[in-house]
């Protein structure tokens, strides 16, 4: 089967997840964005980030707390379906 141009093989696609599962440098580390068998870097410039970076709001604790509270509200009182 031919892969579309730019697509990874299954092994390439699984490499970062497999690395994250066994990398000693990630012991006790959570909540990070990983890319190409490495921890992605924080993007602080004003223009849009390239694919290998993440924006500061992605790891903002206040955002995470707000989203968990919203999630709790939504599952406790789900909106009516039309």
Protein backbone atom coordinates (compact mmCIF):
# COMPACT_ATOMS: atom_id res chain seq x y z
CA UNK A 1 0.00 0.00 0.00
CA UNK A 2 1.39 3.40 -0.94
CA UNK A 3 1.51 6.12 1.69
CA UNK A 4 0.54 9.64 0.78
CA UNK A 5 3.50 11.97 0.53
CA UNK A 6 4.61 13.22 3.94
CA UNK A 7 2.82 10.51 5.91
CA UNK A 8 4.74 8.41 8.43
CA UNK A 9 5.00 4.65 8.43
CA UNK A 10 3.25 2.92 11.34
CA UNK A 11 6.65 2.43 13.02
CA UNK A 12 7.52 6.10 12.60
CA UNK A 13 4.12 7.13 13.93
CA UNK A 14 4.52 4.94 17.02
CA UNK A 15 8.14 5.90 17.75
CA UNK A 16 7.44 8.90 20.02
CA UNK A 17 4.81 7.02 22.04
CA UNK A 18 7.14 4.04 22.46
CA UNK A 19 10.02 6.35 23.41
CA UNK A 20 7.84 8.16 25.97
CA UNK A 21 6.93 4.86 27.61
CA UNK A 22 10.54 3.89 28.33
CA UNK A 23 12.62 7.10 28.31
CA UNK A 24 14.32 7.47 31.71
CA UNK A 25 14.43 11.25 31.28
CA UNK A 26 10.62 11.28 31.40
CA UNK A 27 10.33 9.40 34.71
CA UNK A 28 7.92 11.36 36.88
CA UNK A 29 7.27 13.88 34.10
CA UNK A 30 3.77 14.37 32.75
CA UNK A 31 1.73 16.92 30.89
CA UNK A 32 4.24 17.61 28.14
CA UNK A 33 3.91 17.76 24.39
CA UNK A 34 6.20 15.33 22.65
CA UNK A 35 7.37 15.40 19.05
CA UNK A 36 9.92 13.28 17.18
CA UNK A 37 11.12 11.46 20.33
CA UNK A 38 11.72 14.69 22.23
CA UNK A 39 9.88 17.12 24.47
CA UNK A 40 8.47 19.88 22.28
CA UNK A 41 9.72 23.41 22.91
CA UNK A 42 7.66 26.37 24.11
CA UNK A 43 6.88 28.95 21.39
CA UNK A 44 6.94 32.53 22.67
CA UNK A 45 7.09 34.59 19.48
CA UNK A 46 4.07 36.50 18.19
CA UNK A 47 3.64 34.59 14.93
CA UNK A 48 2.12 31.12 14.74
CA UNK A 49 4.25 28.25 15.98
CA UNK A 50 5.77 25.61 13.75
CA UNK A 51 4.51 22.08 14.30
CA UNK A 52 7.32 21.10 16.70
CA UNK A 53 6.44 23.71 19.34
CA UNK A 54 3.52 24.36 21.68
CA UNK A 55 1.95 27.61 22.86
CA UNK A 56 2.07 28.67 26.53
CA UNK A 57 -1.70 28.30 27.09
CA UNK A 58 -1.44 24.58 26.38
CA UNK A 59 0.17 23.94 29.79
CA UNK A 60 -1.51 26.73 31.74
CA UNK A 61 -2.78 25.35 35.07
CA UNK A 62 -5.63 27.89 35.30
CA UNK A 63 -6.88 26.86 31.85
CA UNK A 64 -6.71 23.21 32.83
CA UNK A 65 -8.68 23.85 36.01
CA UNK A 66 -11.31 25.85 34.13
CA UNK A 67 -11.71 23.11 31.53
CA UNK A 68 -12.03 20.36 34.16
CA UNK A 69 -14.75 22.36 35.96
CA UNK A 70 -16.60 22.83 32.66
CA UNK A 71 -16.25 19.13 31.90
CA UNK A 72 -17.64 18.23 35.35
CA UNK A 73 -20.61 20.54 34.77
CA UNK A 74 -21.31 19.09 31.33
CA UNK A 75 -21.32 15.48 32.48
CA UNK A 76 -23.34 16.27 35.61
CA UNK A 77 -25.99 18.16 33.63
CA UNK A 78 -25.62 17.34 29.93
CA UNK A 79 -27.37 19.63 27.47
CA UNK A 80 -30.62 18.34 26.00
CA UNK A 81 -30.39 16.78 22.56
CA UNK A 82 -32.59 18.16 19.85
